[in-house]
Amino acid sequence: MIFSDLIPFNPNYHQCFDPNLAWFGLYSVDKEASWNWIDNTPFNFSEWAPGRPSNSHGYDNCGFLHGTSCGISYGKWGDGLCDAKVGYSVCKKPAFS
């Protein structure tokens, strides 16, 4: 299961804008030359959609999970503006032992 299965994206909302995006703690400070997690764990896995990250605005420094097709595979990552008002945020929680 990927975490896009856990987010209650609205299946009736088919626009490619912010309400069906989820921010999950991925950011860049060097115009996407490298990516970082907000908790500083190593960035060693990615699910970028084809052609992403694209930095189309010149400062698309946050990674987002897409909840609609929008030309990007559902559940794949895209890049966008960090000040976007997205519909969801994914938080890290310690696993039970």
N, C-alpha and C. Protein backbone atom coordinates (compact mmCIF):
# COMPACT_ATOMS: atom_id res chain seq x y z
N MET A 1 0.85 -1.17 0.00
CA MET A 1 0.00 0.00 0.00
C MET A 1 0.90 1.23 0.00
N ILE A 2 0.60 2.17 -0.86
CA ILE A 2 1.30 3.43 -0.83
C ILE A 2 0.48 4.43 -0.03
N PHE A 3 1.13 5.47 0.50
CA PHE A 3 0.38 6.33 1.40
C PHE A 3 -0.69 7.14 0.71
N SER A 4 -0.70 7.20 -0.63
CA SER A 4 -1.82 7.88 -1.30
C SER A 4 -3.12 7.12 -1.07
N ASP A 5 -3.03 5.83 -0.74
CA ASP A 5 -4.23 5.05 -0.44
C ASP A 5 -4.82 5.44 0.91
N LEU A 6 -4.04 6.07 1.76
CA LEU A 6 -4.49 6.43 3.10
C LEU A 6 -5.09 7.83 3.17
N ILE A 7 -4.89 8.63 2.13
CA ILE A 7 -5.37 10.01 2.13
C ILE A 7 -6.75 10.04 1.47
N PRO A 8 -7.72 10.68 2.11
CA PRO A 8 -9.08 10.68 1.55
C PRO A 8 -9.26 11.70 0.42
N PHE A 9 -8.46 11.57 -0.65
CA PHE A 9 -8.63 12.45 -1.79
C PHE A 9 -10.07 12.35 -2.29
N ASN A 10 -10.61 13.47 -2.72
CA ASN A 10 -11.98 13.49 -3.24
C ASN A 10 -12.00 12.96 -4.66
N PRO A 11 -12.58 11.78 -4.90
CA PRO A 11 -12.58 11.20 -6.25
C PRO A 11 -13.43 11.99 -7.24
N ASN A 12 -14.29 12.87 -6.74
CA ASN A 12 -15.13 13.67 -7.63
C ASN A 12 -14.48 14.99 -8.01
N TYR A 13 -13.32 15.28 -7.43
CA TYR A 13 -12.62 16.53 -7.73
C TYR A 13 -11.54 16.20 -8.74
N HIS A 14 -11.78 16.56 -9.98
CA HIS A 14 -10.88 16.15 -11.06
C HIS A 14 -10.00 17.28 -11.56
N GLN A 15 -9.93 18.38 -10.84
CA GLN A 15 -9.05 19.46 -11.25
C GLN A 15 -7.65 19.20 -10.73
N CYS A 16 -6.70 19.80 -11.38
CA CYS A 16 -5.29 19.56 -11.05
C CYS A 16 -4.72 20.57 -10.08
N PHE A 17 -5.56 21.16 -9.25
CA PHE A 17 -5.08 22.21 -8.37
C PHE A 17 -4.91 21.71 -6.94
N ASP A 18 -4.58 22.60 -6.08
CA ASP A 18 -4.11 22.30 -4.75
C ASP A 18 -4.97 21.40 -3.86
N PRO A 19 -6.31 21.43 -3.90
CA PRO A 19 -7.06 20.61 -2.96
C PRO A 19 -6.78 19.11 -3.06
N ASN A 20 -6.34 18.63 -4.19
CA ASN A 20 -6.03 17.21 -4.31
C ASN A 20 -4.53 16.95 -4.36
N LEU A 21 -3.79 17.77 -3.63
CA LEU A 21 -2.36 17.57 -3.46
C LEU A 21 -2.09 17.36 -1.98
N ALA A 22 -1.05 16.61 -1.69
CA ALA A 22 -0.62 16.41 -0.30
C ALA A 22 0.87 16.70 -0.20
N TRP A 23 1.24 17.53 0.77
CA TRP A 23 2.64 17.78 1.04
C TRP A 23 3.10 16.75 2.05
N PHE A 24 4.27 16.18 1.82
CA PHE A 24 4.72 15.09 2.69
C PHE A 24 6.13 15.28 3.21
N GLY A 25 6.57 16.52 3.32
CA GLY A 25 7.83 16.80 4.00
C GLY A 25 9.07 16.80 3.13
N LEU A 26 8.91 16.92 1.82
CA LEU A 26 10.05 16.93 0.92
C LEU A 26 10.27 18.34 0.39
N TYR A 27 11.53 18.81 0.43
CA TYR A 27 11.81 20.16 -0.04
C TYR A 27 13.22 20.24 -0.62
N SER A 28 13.48 21.31 -1.35
CA SER A 28 14.78 21.58 -1.93
C SER A 28 15.15 23.03 -1.64
N VAL A 29 16.42 23.28 -1.39
CA VAL A 29 16.87 24.66 -1.18
C VAL A 29 17.83 25.11 -2.27
N ASP A 30 18.10 24.25 -3.24
CA ASP A 30 19.08 24.57 -4.28
C ASP A 30 18.54 24.34 -5.69
N LYS A 31 17.33 24.84 -5.93
CA LYS A 31 16.68 24.75 -7.24
C LYS A 31 16.64 23.30 -7.75
N GLU A 32 16.31 22.39 -6.83
CA GLU A 32 16.08 20.98 -7.13
C GLU A 32 17.33 20.19 -7.51
N ALA A 33 18.51 20.73 -7.17
CA ALA A 33 19.73 19.95 -7.39
C ALA A 33 19.79 18.79 -6.40
N SER A 34 19.20 18.99 -5.22
CA SER A 34 19.11 17.93 -4.22
C SER A 34 17.81 18.13 -3.45
N TRP A 35 17.36 17.05 -2.82
CA TRP A 35 16.10 17.08 -2.06
C TRP A 35 16.37 16.63 -0.64
N ASN A 36 15.55 17.12 0.29
CA ASN A 36 15.70 16.83 1.71
C ASN A 36 14.35 16.53 2.33
N TRP A 37 14.38 15.69 3.37
CA TRP A 37 13.21 15.47 4.21
C TRP A 37 13.28 16.43 5.37
N ILE A 38 12.14 16.91 5.86
CA ILE A 38 12.16 17.89 6.94
C ILE A 38 12.72 17.33 8.25
N ASP A 39 12.72 16.00 8.40
CA ASP A 39 13.29 15.43 9.63
C ASP A 39 14.75 15.00 9.44
N ASN A 40 15.33 15.36 8.30
CA ASN A 40 16.74 15.09 7.97
C ASN A 40 17.08 13.62 7.79
N THR A 41 16.08 12.75 7.64
CA THR A 41 16.41 11.37 7.27
C THR A 41 16.96 11.38 5.85
N PRO A 42 17.81 10.41 5.49
CA PRO A 42 18.40 10.40 4.16
C PRO A 42 17.34 10.31 3.06
N PHE A 43 17.55 11.06 2.01
CA PHE A 43 16.66 11.01 0.84
C PHE A 43 17.20 9.92 -0.08
N ASN A 44 16.64 8.72 0.03
CA ASN A 44 17.15 7.59 -0.73
C ASN A 44 16.05 6.82 -1.46
N PHE A 45 14.90 7.45 -1.63
CA PHE A 45 13.78 6.83 -2.31
C PHE A 45 12.97 7.93 -2.97
N SER A 46 12.47 7.68 -4.16
CA SER A 46 11.59 8.67 -4.78
C SER A 46 10.58 7.99 -5.68
N GLU A 47 9.48 8.65 -5.87
CA GLU A 47 8.39 8.19 -6.75
C GLU A 47 8.00 9.32 -7.70
N TRP A 48 9.00 10.02 -8.24
CA TRP A 48 8.71 11.12 -9.15
C TRP A 48 7.93 10.63 -10.36
N ALA A 49 6.96 11.40 -10.76
CA ALA A 49 6.24 11.14 -12.00
C ALA A 49 7.20 11.42 -13.16
N PRO A 50 6.97 10.81 -14.32
CA PRO A 50 7.83 11.09 -15.47
C PRO A 50 7.90 12.59 -15.75
N GLY A 51 9.10 13.08 -16.00
CA GLY A 51 9.29 14.50 -16.28
C GLY A 51 9.36 15.38 -15.05
N ARG A 52 9.28 14.80 -13.86
CA ARG A 52 9.34 15.55 -12.62
C ARG A 52 10.58 15.14 -11.83
N PRO A 53 11.15 15.99 -11.05
CA PRO A 53 10.76 17.38 -10.85
C PRO A 53 11.10 18.23 -12.08
N SER A 54 10.29 19.25 -12.30
CA SER A 54 10.46 20.06 -13.51
C SER A 54 10.87 21.49 -13.22
N ASN A 55 10.61 21.98 -12.01
CA ASN A 55 10.92 23.36 -11.62
C ASN A 55 10.37 24.36 -12.64
N SER A 56 9.15 24.13 -13.07
CA SER A 56 8.56 24.94 -14.14
C SER A 56 8.40 26.41 -13.79
N HIS A 57 8.27 26.74 -12.51
CA HIS A 57 8.15 28.14 -12.10
C HIS A 57 9.50 28.76 -11.74
N GLY A 58 10.53 27.92 -11.70
CA GLY A 58 11.85 28.41 -11.31
C GLY A 58 12.11 28.32 -9.82
N TYR A 59 11.09 28.04 -9.04
CA TYR A 59 11.25 27.90 -7.59
C TYR A 59 10.23 26.91 -7.03
N ASP A 60 10.04 25.81 -7.72
CA ASP A 60 9.15 24.74 -7.26
C ASP A 60 9.94 23.85 -6.31
N ASN A 61 10.03 24.26 -5.07
CA ASN A 61 10.95 23.63 -4.14
C ASN A 61 10.31 22.68 -3.14
N CYS A 62 9.07 22.27 -3.36
CA CYS A 62 8.44 21.30 -2.47
C CYS A 62 7.89 20.13 -3.29
N GLY A 63 7.97 18.95 -2.71
CA GLY A 63 7.42 17.77 -3.35
C GLY A 63 5.99 17.55 -2.89
N PHE A 64 5.13 17.15 -3.83
CA PHE A 64 3.73 16.91 -3.54
C PHE A 64 3.29 15.56 -4.09
N LEU A 65 2.35 14.96 -3.42
CA LEU A 65 1.72 13.74 -3.87
C LEU A 65 0.44 14.13 -4.60
N HIS A 66 0.24 13.58 -5.77
CA HIS A 66 -0.93 13.92 -6.58
C HIS A 66 -2.08 12.95 -6.32
N GLY A 67 -3.26 13.51 -6.08
CA GLY A 67 -4.45 12.72 -5.81
C GLY A 67 -5.38 12.63 -7.00
N THR A 68 -5.05 13.28 -8.10
CA THR A 68 -5.81 13.16 -9.34
C THR A 68 -4.83 12.91 -10.46
N SER A 69 -5.31 12.54 -11.60
CA SER A 69 -4.40 12.21 -12.69
C SER A 69 -3.59 13.42 -13.13
N CYS A 70 -4.20 14.52 -13.49
CA CYS A 70 -3.51 15.77 -13.82
C CYS A 70 -2.34 15.57 -14.76
N GLY A 71 -2.37 14.56 -15.57
CA GLY A 71 -1.24 14.27 -16.42
C GLY A 71 -0.11 13.59 -15.67
N ILE A 72 -0.32 13.35 -14.39
CA ILE A 72 0.68 12.67 -13.55
C ILE A 72 0.00 11.45 -12.95
N SER A 73 0.69 10.37 -12.93
CA SER A 73 0.12 9.14 -12.38
C SER A 73 -0.32 9.34 -10.95
N TYR A 74 -1.51 8.87 -10.62
CA TYR A 74 -2.05 8.96 -9.27
C TYR A 74 -1.04 8.36 -8.29
N GLY A 75 -0.78 9.10 -7.24
CA GLY A 75 0.13 8.62 -6.21
C GLY A 75 1.59 8.89 -6.51
N LYS A 76 1.90 9.47 -7.65
CA LYS A 76 3.28 9.82 -7.97
C LYS A 76 3.59 11.21 -7.46
N TRP A 77 4.86 11.56 -7.43
CA TRP A 77 5.28 12.83 -6.90
C TRP A 77 5.44 13.86 -8.00
N GLY A 78 5.10 15.08 -7.67
CA GLY A 78 5.37 16.23 -8.52
C GLY A 78 6.01 17.30 -7.66
N ASP A 79 6.48 18.35 -8.31
CA ASP A 79 7.07 19.45 -7.57
C ASP A 79 6.20 20.69 -7.74
N GLY A 80 6.24 21.55 -6.76
CA GLY A 80 5.43 22.75 -6.82
C GLY A 80 5.90 23.81 -5.85
N LEU A 81 5.12 24.86 -5.77
CA LEU A 81 5.44 25.99 -4.91
C LEU A 81 5.21 25.63 -3.44
N CYS A 82 6.16 25.95 -2.60
CA CYS A 82 6.04 25.61 -1.19
C CYS A 82 4.94 26.37 -0.48
N ASP A 83 4.49 27.49 -1.02
CA ASP A 83 3.43 28.23 -0.36
C ASP A 83 2.04 27.86 -0.87
N ALA A 84 1.96 26.79 -1.65
CA ALA A 84 0.65 26.31 -2.13
C ALA A 84 -0.20 25.87 -0.93
N LYS A 85 -1.47 26.17 -0.97
CA LYS A 85 -2.39 25.74 0.08
C LYS A 85 -2.99 24.41 -0.34
N VAL A 86 -2.30 23.35 0.02
CA VAL A 86 -2.69 22.01 -0.41
C VAL A 86 -3.80 21.48 0.49
N GLY A 87 -4.47 20.44 0.01
CA GLY A 87 -5.58 19.86 0.75
C GLY A 87 -5.16 18.99 1.91
N TYR A 88 -3.93 18.45 1.86
CA TYR A 88 -3.51 17.47 2.87
C TYR A 88 -2.04 17.63 3.17
N SER A 89 -1.66 17.20 4.35
CA SER A 89 -0.26 17.07 4.74
C SER A 89 -0.12 15.69 5.37
N VAL A 90 0.99 15.05 5.09
CA VAL A 90 1.26 13.73 5.64
C VAL A 90 2.29 13.91 6.74
N CYS A 91 2.02 13.35 7.90
CA CYS A 91 2.91 13.48 9.04
C CYS A 91 3.54 12.13 9.36
N LYS A 92 4.76 12.19 9.85
CA LYS A 92 5.48 10.98 10.24
C LYS A 92 5.12 10.65 11.68
N LYS A 93 4.88 9.38 11.93
CA LYS A 93 4.54 8.93 13.28
C LYS A 93 5.41 7.72 13.60
N PRO A 94 5.98 7.64 14.78
CA PRO A 94 6.80 6.47 15.12
C PRO A 94 5.98 5.19 15.03
N ALA A 95 6.62 4.13 14.57
CA ALA A 95 5.95 2.83 14.49
C ALA A 95 5.80 2.25 15.89
N PHE A 96 4.78 1.45 16.05
CA PHE A 96 4.60 0.75 17.33
C PHE A 96 5.63 -0.35 17.42
N SER A 97 6.13 -0.60 18.60
CA SER A 97 7.11 -1.68 18.77
C SER A 97 6.48 -2.88 19.43
